[in-house]
Amino acid sequence: MGRPNKPPRPVVTGILVVDKPLGISSMAAVNVVRARAGGTRTGHAGTLDPLATGVLVLALGKATKEISHFMATDKRYATVIDLTAFTTTDDMEGERTEVDVAQPPSESDVLVVLEKFTGRIMQRPPQRSAIKIGGQRAYALSRRGETVEIPARPVDVYRLEIRRYDWPELELYVHCGKGTYIRSLARDIGEALGTGGHCHSLRRLAVGPFVEDAAAVLEQVPDPLTEHDLIPIDAALQLIDDHTRRFGQVDSG
């Protein structure tokens, strides 16, 4: 006789906040959680690149229907920008184009440039982004060697703050709205400074009210994952509403 079939796990519903590690895609993190939730439908509220780490908000079960509410909230990042080169991906993954800088910009020069990238700005997404061009993802076209023209679009940058400037590295705190690409900021800040510019490292500190200190280490997510391990959807939506009312588009810093 064969082994008896295991009873199916109950479908779970709720929100899980994880700390995505370096080197895996957001979908790889989703797949880990989905497997530990017994195959429950799972989605993420905003992609993090493989070379980025930090807060990734996951919706499971019926909570996936509310995922747009989580995607629409503000984001906070810490990034280190390498000002010596541009790259084809605007991060360390792409091919470098070195920029010879005779005189590195001063910190006051950097502050002047950062003011130009604060507020509502027009931003061109990176070549390797999830933007759809003619029905295909830009990153898929780029990986096939095609150069794609992605139009600039408005995004909101609420705050840019220098955490450290030690040429050629510029470490920034970024508070921004939905759809802002930090890789594009790195590229554009470098262009404005007359230097290179690409993301050397990137960490998402928060998605709305969901912060890194409350994020679960991905490898330590329980298996099996139950609803006791999740934030109930009503509670999660209330957290977003409270965050929006309290902060709006103002960075409490």
Protein backbone atom coordinates (compact mmCIF):
# COMPACT_ATOMS: atom_id res chain seq x y z
CA MET A 1 0.00 0.00 0.00
CA GLY A 2 1.18 3.51 -0.77
CA ARG A 3 1.60 6.19 1.77
CA PRO A 4 -1.63 7.90 2.83
CA ASN A 5 -2.15 11.31 1.27
CA LYS A 6 -1.38 14.17 3.60
CA PRO A 7 -4.37 16.39 4.29
CA PRO A 8 -4.07 19.76 2.54
CA ARG A 9 -2.91 22.62 4.69
CA PRO A 10 -5.52 25.29 5.39
CA VAL A 11 -5.26 28.42 3.25
CA VAL A 12 -3.84 31.25 5.34
CA THR A 13 -4.60 34.95 4.93
CA GLY A 14 -2.61 37.92 6.16
CA ILE A 15 0.53 40.02 5.80
CA LEU A 16 4.09 38.93 6.45
CA VAL A 17 7.00 41.38 6.56
CA VAL A 18 10.36 39.78 5.76
CA ASP A 19 13.92 41.01 5.48
CA LYS A 20 15.01 39.98 1.99
CA PRO A 21 18.64 38.88 1.96
CA LEU A 22 21.24 39.83 -0.60
CA GLY A 23 21.46 37.86 -3.83
CA ILE A 24 17.92 36.55 -4.32
CA SER A 25 14.99 38.03 -6.20
CA SER A 26 11.77 39.16 -4.60
CA MET A 27 9.98 36.29 -6.35
CA ALA A 28 12.45 33.82 -4.85
CA ALA A 29 11.50 35.15 -1.41
CA VAL A 30 7.82 34.82 -2.35
CA ASN A 31 8.41 31.21 -3.37
CA VAL A 32 10.02 30.39 -0.01
CA VAL A 33 7.07 31.81 1.91
CA ARG A 34 4.49 30.25 -0.42
CA ALA A 35 6.03 26.81 0.11
CA ARG A 36 6.01 27.24 3.88
CA ALA A 37 2.37 28.32 3.69
CA GLY A 38 1.42 25.11 1.92
CA GLY A 39 1.15 26.65 -1.52
CA THR A 40 -1.11 29.53 -0.46
CA ARG A 41 -1.27 32.28 -3.06
CA THR A 42 1.42 34.85 -2.19
CA GLY A 43 2.49 38.16 -3.70
CA HIS A 44 4.80 41.03 -2.81
CA ALA A 45 4.05 44.75 -2.50
CA GLY A 46 7.00 46.16 -4.42
CA THR A 47 10.06 44.53 -5.95
CA LEU A 48 13.52 44.56 -4.43
CA ASP A 49 16.37 43.76 -6.83
CA PRO A 50 18.64 40.78 -6.02
CA LEU A 51 21.42 43.20 -5.03
CA ALA A 52 19.10 45.02 -2.60
CA THR A 53 18.14 43.93 0.91
CA GLY A 54 15.51 44.87 3.42
CA VAL A 55 11.79 45.19 3.96
CA LEU A 56 9.60 43.13 1.65
CA VAL A 57 5.87 43.11 2.41
CA LEU A 58 4.15 39.87 1.41
CA ALA A 59 0.41 39.28 1.13
CA LEU A 60 -1.00 35.77 1.48
CA GLY A 61 -4.36 34.31 0.60
CA LYS A 62 -7.23 36.81 0.41
CA ALA A 63 -4.83 39.58 1.43
CA THR A 64 -3.45 39.54 -2.13
CA LYS A 65 -6.62 41.37 -3.20
CA GLU A 66 -5.51 44.33 -1.06
CA ILE A 67 -1.91 44.42 -2.24
CA SER A 68 -2.34 47.72 -4.11
CA HIS A 69 -2.83 49.49 -0.76
CA PHE A 70 0.59 48.34 0.37
CA MET A 71 2.28 49.17 -2.93
CA ALA A 72 0.93 52.73 -2.85
CA THR A 73 2.54 53.75 0.43
CA ASP A 74 5.85 55.58 0.92
CA LYS A 75 9.25 53.88 1.08
CA ARG A 76 12.49 54.59 2.95
CA TYR A 77 15.95 53.49 1.85
CA ALA A 78 19.63 53.67 2.69
CA THR A 79 21.89 53.57 -0.35
CA VAL A 80 25.59 53.92 -1.07
CA ILE A 81 26.32 55.52 -4.45
CA ASP A 82 29.64 54.93 -6.23
CA LEU A 83 30.47 58.17 -8.04
CA THR A 84 33.35 56.79 -10.13
CA ALA A 85 31.32 55.10 -12.89
CA PHE A 86 27.99 54.61 -14.60
CA THR A 87 26.76 51.08 -15.32
CA THR A 88 24.31 49.57 -17.78
CA THR A 89 22.02 48.53 -14.92
CA ASP A 90 22.63 51.54 -12.62
CA ASP A 91 23.91 49.13 -9.97
CA MET A 92 26.92 46.83 -9.53
CA GLU A 93 25.52 44.11 -11.79
CA GLY A 94 26.04 45.96 -15.07
CA GLU A 95 29.00 46.83 -17.26
CA ARG A 96 30.94 49.83 -15.93
CA THR A 97 31.80 53.02 -17.77
CA GLU A 98 34.46 54.82 -15.76
CA VAL A 99 34.26 58.59 -15.40
CA ASP A 100 37.47 60.57 -14.92
CA VAL A 101 36.83 63.28 -12.31
CA ALA A 102 39.56 65.91 -12.06
CA GLN A 103 38.19 67.45 -8.87
CA PRO A 104 35.72 65.52 -6.69
CA PRO A 105 32.67 67.58 -5.70
CA SER A 106 32.55 69.00 -2.20
CA GLU A 107 29.82 68.11 0.26
CA SER A 108 28.28 71.54 -0.32
CA ASP A 109 28.22 70.77 -4.07
CA VAL A 110 26.41 67.53 -3.31
CA LEU A 111 23.85 69.30 -1.10
CA VAL A 112 23.03 71.76 -3.89
CA VAL A 113 22.46 68.89 -6.32
CA LEU A 114 20.32 66.93 -3.86
CA GLU A 115 17.92 69.87 -3.62
CA LYS A 116 17.21 69.42 -7.34
CA PHE A 117 16.07 65.86 -6.71
CA THR A 118 13.74 66.64 -3.83
CA GLY A 119 10.00 67.08 -4.40
CA ARG A 120 8.08 66.06 -7.53
CA ILE A 121 10.69 65.18 -10.16
CA MET A 122 10.74 63.53 -13.56
CA GLN A 123 12.64 60.25 -13.50
CA ARG A 124 13.63 57.79 -16.21
CA PRO A 125 13.49 54.19 -14.91
CA PRO A 126 16.54 51.95 -15.37
CA GLN A 127 16.95 49.83 -18.49
CA ARG A 128 16.55 46.75 -16.31
CA SER A 129 13.25 47.49 -14.62
CA ALA A 130 9.84 45.87 -14.47
CA ILE A 131 8.31 48.60 -16.66
CA LYS A 132 6.42 47.12 -19.60
CA ILE A 133 7.48 48.21 -23.09
CA GLY A 134 5.23 46.89 -25.85
CA GLY A 135 3.86 44.28 -23.47
CA GLN A 136 7.30 43.02 -22.39
CA ARG A 137 9.28 43.78 -19.26
CA ALA A 138 12.14 46.19 -19.86
CA TYR A 139 14.58 43.91 -18.01
CA ALA A 140 13.77 41.03 -20.37
CA LEU A 141 14.45 43.21 -23.41
CA SER A 142 17.66 44.53 -21.88
CA ARG A 143 18.96 41.05 -21.09
CA ARG A 144 18.46 40.16 -24.75
CA GLY A 145 20.76 43.03 -25.64
CA GLU A 146 18.02 45.40 -26.78
CA THR A 147 18.21 49.08 -25.86
CA VAL A 148 14.81 50.31 -24.78
CA GLU A 149 13.58 53.87 -24.56
CA ILE A 150 11.69 54.26 -21.29
CA PRO A 151 9.96 57.63 -20.95
CA ALA A 152 10.53 59.71 -17.83
CA ARG A 153 7.65 59.87 -15.38
CA PRO A 154 6.84 61.90 -12.27
CA VAL A 155 7.86 60.54 -8.87
CA ASP A 156 7.94 62.03 -5.39
CA VAL A 157 11.10 62.32 -3.33
CA TYR A 158 10.22 63.67 0.11
CA ARG A 159 13.68 63.73 1.63
CA LEU A 160 17.31 63.16 0.65
CA GLU A 161 19.86 63.26 3.44
CA ILE A 162 23.61 62.68 3.38
CA ARG A 163 24.57 60.02 5.90
CA ARG A 164 28.20 59.84 4.84
CA TYR A 165 30.31 61.34 2.08
CA ASP A 166 33.76 59.89 1.65
CA TRP A 167 34.76 60.25 -1.99
CA PRO A 168 33.92 58.33 -4.10
CA GLU A 169 31.14 56.94 -1.92
CA LEU A 170 28.00 58.91 -1.10
CA GLU A 171 25.64 57.33 1.41
CA LEU A 172 22.09 58.69 1.37
CA TYR A 173 18.87 58.29 3.30
CA VAL A 174 15.94 58.45 0.88
CA HIS A 175 12.25 58.89 1.69
CA CYS A 176 10.17 58.62 -1.44
CA GLY A 177 6.83 57.73 -2.94
CA LYS A 178 5.59 54.84 -5.03
CA GLY A 179 7.49 54.04 -8.21
CA THR A 180 10.74 55.84 -7.35
CA TYR A 181 13.86 54.01 -8.54
CA ILE A 182 16.85 54.53 -6.27
CA ARG A 183 19.13 53.27 -9.04
CA SER A 184 17.86 56.08 -11.25
CA LEU A 185 18.49 58.59 -8.48
CA ALA A 186 22.08 57.34 -8.21
CA ARG A 187 22.59 57.72 -11.96
CA ASP A 188 20.95 61.13 -12.19
CA ILE A 189 22.72 62.56 -9.13
CA GLY A 190 26.03 61.47 -10.67
CA GLU A 191 25.16 63.12 -13.97
CA ALA A 192 24.24 66.36 -12.18
CA LEU A 193 27.52 66.30 -10.23
CA GLY A 194 29.58 65.68 -13.37
CA THR A 195 30.74 62.34 -11.97
CA GLY A 196 29.66 58.74 -12.41
CA GLY A 197 26.80 57.32 -10.40
CA HIS A 198 25.43 53.86 -9.64
CA CYS A 199 24.11 52.01 -6.59
CA HIS A 200 26.87 50.20 -4.74
CA SER A 201 24.41 48.98 -2.12
CA LEU A 202 20.73 49.45 -1.37
CA ARG A 203 18.63 48.62 1.68
CA ARG A 204 14.91 49.24 2.09
CA LEU A 205 14.31 50.44 5.62
CA ALA A 206 10.52 50.70 5.57
CA VAL A 207 7.39 50.31 3.50
CA GLY A 208 4.89 52.70 5.05
CA PRO A 209 4.46 51.60 8.69
CA PHE A 210 6.33 48.31 8.19
CA VAL A 211 9.93 48.78 9.32
CA GLU A 212 13.08 46.68 9.23
CA ASP A 213 13.14 46.07 12.99
CA ALA A 214 9.83 44.20 12.71
CA ALA A 215 10.79 42.17 9.64
CA ALA A 216 11.31 38.42 9.92
CA VAL A 217 14.56 36.87 8.73
CA LEU A 218 13.54 34.90 5.65
CA GLU A 219 15.38 31.74 6.67
CA GLN A 220 13.59 31.79 10.02
CA VAL A 221 10.03 32.01 8.66
CA PRO A 222 8.16 29.11 10.32
CA ASP A 223 7.41 25.96 8.38
CA PRO A 224 4.51 25.39 8.36
CA LEU A 225 3.47 29.04 8.28
CA THR A 226 0.12 29.66 9.97
CA GLU A 227 -2.15 32.64 10.39
CA HIS A 228 -0.75 33.09 13.89
CA ASP A 229 2.51 34.13 12.18
CA LEU A 230 0.80 36.80 10.05
CA ILE A 231 -0.60 40.28 10.56
CA PRO A 232 -4.38 40.07 10.00
CA ILE A 233 -5.38 42.00 6.89
CA ASP A 234 -7.71 44.38 8.74
CA ALA A 235 -4.97 45.20 11.25
CA ALA A 236 -2.43 45.74 8.45
CA LEU A 237 -4.76 48.08 6.56
CA GLN A 238 -5.42 50.00 9.78
CA LEU A 239 -1.67 50.43 10.24
CA ILE A 240 -1.45 51.96 6.77
CA ASP A 241 -4.39 54.27 7.42
CA ASP A 242 -2.90 55.42 10.73
CA HIS A 243 0.51 55.94 9.08
CA THR A 244 -1.01 57.98 6.26
CA ARG A 245 -3.00 60.18 8.64
CA ARG A 246 -0.05 60.71 10.95
CA PHE A 247 2.69 61.33 8.44
CA GLY A 248 1.05 61.92 5.07
CA GLN A 249 3.92 62.91 2.82
CA VAL A 250 6.01 64.34 5.65
CA ASP A 251 9.14 62.49 6.76
CA SER A 252 9.34 62.26 10.53
CA GLY A 253 13.02 61.37 10.08
